[in-house]
Protein backbone atom coordinates (compact mmCIF):
# COMPACT_ATOMS: atom_id res chain seq x y z
CA MET A 1 -36.60 133.80 92.48
CA SER A 2 -38.32 135.89 89.80
CA LYS A 3 -41.68 134.85 88.37
CA GLY A 4 -40.05 134.38 84.92
CA VAL A 5 -37.44 131.97 86.26
CA VAL A 6 -40.10 129.99 88.15
CA THR A 7 -42.23 129.79 84.98
CA LEU A 8 -39.21 128.67 82.91
CA VAL A 9 -38.21 125.98 85.43
CA ALA A 10 -41.81 124.77 85.71
CA SER A 11 -42.17 124.52 81.93
CA LEU A 12 -38.85 122.67 81.59
CA LEU A 13 -39.87 120.18 84.28
CA SER A 14 -43.17 119.50 82.54
CA MET A 15 -41.56 118.72 79.16
CA PRO A 16 -41.19 115.06 78.16
CA VAL A 17 -37.61 113.95 78.55
CA MET A 18 -36.06 110.98 76.79
CA ALA A 19 -34.28 108.51 79.00
CA ALA A 20 -30.51 108.63 78.93
CA GLY A 21 -29.21 106.73 75.94
CA SER A 22 -32.55 106.81 74.10
CA VAL A 23 -31.49 109.09 71.26
CA ALA A 24 -30.66 107.35 67.99
CA THR A 25 -27.16 107.96 66.65
CA HIS A 26 -25.26 107.54 63.42
CA ALA A 27 -23.57 104.57 65.13
CA ASP A 28 -27.03 102.92 65.28
CA VAL A 29 -27.36 103.31 61.51
CA ASP A 30 -23.83 101.96 60.97
CA HIS A 31 -24.74 98.98 63.18
CA TRP A 32 -27.94 98.52 61.12
CA ALA A 33 -25.97 98.17 57.87
CA GLN A 34 -23.17 96.03 59.34
CA THR A 35 -25.71 93.65 60.85
CA TRP A 36 -27.66 93.22 57.63
CA ASN A 37 -24.43 92.67 55.73
CA SER A 38 -23.43 89.93 58.19
CA HIS A 39 -26.32 87.77 56.85
CA ASP A 40 -26.67 86.40 60.38
CA ILE A 41 -30.40 86.29 61.12
CA ASN A 42 -29.73 85.99 64.85
CA LYS A 43 -27.69 89.21 64.82
CA VAL A 44 -30.40 90.89 62.76
CA MET A 45 -33.11 89.80 65.19
CA ALA A 46 -31.05 91.07 68.15
CA MET A 47 -31.51 94.61 66.78
CA PHE A 48 -35.29 94.43 67.22
CA SER A 49 -37.62 94.87 70.16
CA PRO A 50 -39.92 91.84 70.70
CA ASP A 51 -42.87 94.07 69.73
CA VAL A 52 -41.29 95.35 66.50
CA ALA A 53 -43.47 96.13 63.48
CA ILE A 54 -41.95 96.36 60.01
CA ASP A 55 -43.82 97.81 57.04
CA GLN A 56 -42.39 96.98 53.62
CA PRO A 57 -43.91 96.62 50.15
CA GLU A 58 -43.36 92.88 49.67
CA ASN A 59 -45.52 91.89 52.65
CA PRO A 60 -49.31 92.30 52.70
CA LYS A 61 -49.29 93.31 56.38
CA PRO A 62 -46.64 94.58 58.82
CA LEU A 63 -44.15 91.97 59.99
CA ASP A 64 -44.05 91.17 63.69
CA TYR A 65 -40.99 89.66 65.39
CA ALA A 66 -41.65 86.08 64.22
CA GLY A 67 -42.58 87.25 60.73
CA THR A 68 -39.41 89.32 60.55
CA ARG A 69 -37.25 86.26 61.31
CA ALA A 70 -39.05 84.11 58.73
CA PHE A 71 -39.13 86.71 55.95
CA PHE A 72 -35.58 88.00 56.25
CA GLY A 73 -34.17 84.53 56.84
CA MET A 74 -35.72 83.64 53.47
CA ILE A 75 -34.28 86.83 51.91
CA PHE A 76 -30.76 85.81 53.00
CA ARG A 77 -31.27 82.40 51.34
CA ALA A 78 -32.77 83.87 48.16
CA TYR A 79 -30.14 86.61 47.88
CA PRO A 80 -27.00 85.28 49.61
CA ASN A 81 -24.94 88.34 48.66
CA PHE A 82 -27.63 90.84 49.76
CA HIS A 83 -25.81 94.06 50.62
CA VAL A 84 -26.78 97.38 52.20
CA ASP A 85 -24.62 100.44 51.55
CA VAL A 86 -25.74 103.47 53.57
CA LYS A 87 -25.32 106.56 51.43
CA GLN A 88 -26.72 109.01 53.96
CA ALA A 89 -28.19 108.89 57.43
CA VAL A 90 -30.44 111.45 59.06
CA VAL A 91 -30.90 111.14 62.81
CA ASP A 92 -33.45 113.05 64.87
CA GLY A 93 -34.35 112.04 68.40
CA SER A 94 -35.29 108.38 68.45
CA THR A 95 -35.74 108.20 64.67
CA ALA A 96 -33.09 107.47 62.05
CA VAL A 97 -33.49 107.53 58.29
CA SER A 98 -31.07 105.33 56.38
CA ILE A 99 -30.80 106.20 52.68
CA GLU A 100 -29.31 103.14 51.04
CA ARG A 101 -28.16 101.38 47.93
CA VAL A 102 -29.28 97.75 48.15
CA THR A 103 -27.79 95.06 45.90
CA GLY A 104 -27.88 91.31 45.53
CA THR A 105 -28.12 88.29 43.25
CA TRP A 106 -31.20 86.08 43.14
CA SER A 107 -29.60 82.69 43.71
CA GLY A 108 -32.02 80.80 45.96
CA PRO A 109 -35.76 80.20 46.21
CA PHE A 110 -38.00 83.18 46.95
CA ILE A 111 -41.28 82.57 48.78
CA ASP A 112 -43.90 85.21 47.97
CA PRO A 113 -45.31 86.29 51.35
CA SER A 114 -48.74 87.10 49.95
CA THR A 115 -49.25 83.86 48.00
CA GLY A 116 -46.73 81.34 49.38
CA LYS A 117 -45.59 80.65 45.81
CA VAL A 118 -41.97 79.48 45.64
CA THR A 119 -39.88 80.72 42.72
CA PRO A 120 -36.33 79.45 42.16
CA GLY A 121 -33.52 81.95 41.75
CA ASN A 122 -32.47 82.90 38.24
CA GLY A 123 -29.00 84.41 38.80
CA ARG A 124 -30.12 87.97 37.98
CA THR A 125 -29.02 90.92 40.08
CA PHE A 126 -30.77 93.90 41.61
CA ASP A 127 -29.39 97.31 42.46
CA HIS A 128 -31.80 99.89 43.82
CA PRO A 129 -32.15 102.79 46.24
CA GLY A 130 -34.07 102.29 49.44
CA VAL A 131 -35.05 104.36 52.43
CA MET A 132 -35.51 102.93 55.92
CA VAL A 133 -37.25 105.00 58.59
CA ILE A 134 -36.15 103.36 61.84
CA GLN A 135 -37.67 104.06 65.24
CA TYR A 136 -35.52 103.19 68.27
CA GLY A 137 -36.61 102.54 71.83
CA PRO A 138 -34.69 103.80 74.88
CA ASP A 139 -32.54 100.64 74.83
CA HIS A 140 -31.60 101.26 71.16
CA LYS A 141 -33.72 98.27 70.12
CA ILE A 142 -35.72 98.93 66.96
CA THR A 143 -39.47 99.20 67.57
CA HIS A 144 -40.65 100.11 64.06
CA VAL A 145 -39.24 100.21 60.54
CA ALA A 146 -40.92 101.62 57.45
CA ILE A 147 -39.09 100.39 54.34
CA TYR A 148 -39.48 102.23 51.05
CA TRP A 149 -38.20 100.89 47.74
CA ASP A 150 -39.39 100.64 44.14
CA GLN A 151 -40.68 97.11 43.73
CA LEU A 152 -41.37 97.58 40.00
CA THR A 153 -37.73 98.48 39.33
CA VAL A 154 -36.48 95.46 41.26
CA ASP A 155 -39.00 93.15 39.55
CA ARG A 156 -37.78 94.37 36.15
CA GLN A 157 -34.14 93.84 37.14
CA LEU A 158 -34.94 90.30 38.30
CA GLY A 159 -37.09 89.48 35.27
CA ILE A 160 -40.31 89.18 37.29
CA ALA A 161 -43.67 90.04 35.72
CA PRO A 162 -45.21 92.93 37.65
CA LYS A 163 -48.02 92.02 40.04
CA VAL A 164 -51.37 93.34 38.93
C-alpha cells in the first residue's frame, strides 16, 4: 500500500463519526411541527432527551425537562390554538433550524415565568416569525433548543405593556 493511501486511511479512521441514525433530517423538523400542533404535552415531551435545555426569551433561565413540561403545558392552556407552520428547514449534521410562522389566540391564563403573575387571556391573537435551532442526539431525541422570536412584537399584538 502506498504511503499516501495509508495516510488517508489513518486520517479517516481518526475522524469523529456520528453513530448511524444520528443525523437530523427534514422528517425530524416535520415531526417537530406536527407534535407541537397536536397540543399533546406528552407527545411534545417524548421528543426531548431527559437532559434537554431550552433557551427562549420568556424564561429567565434555560428550561430543563421538568420546566419544559410545566411551561409548554401552560402555553397550550393559554393559547389553545397555538400553531407552528414551518416555512423553511435547514438541516446540517445533528442540528436543524426550523424557520416558522407561529400563531395563536390568548384564551387562557398566562403565568409569567419570571414573576409568577397570572394574567387572564384577552382573546387577542398573535402571528409572528420564529426560528428554532434544534440539536438532536444520536437517538433523534432533542438535547437543546434555542428559540428566537420578537417578544416586543408579540406583546404589542396581545396588548401587553412591554417589560422594562
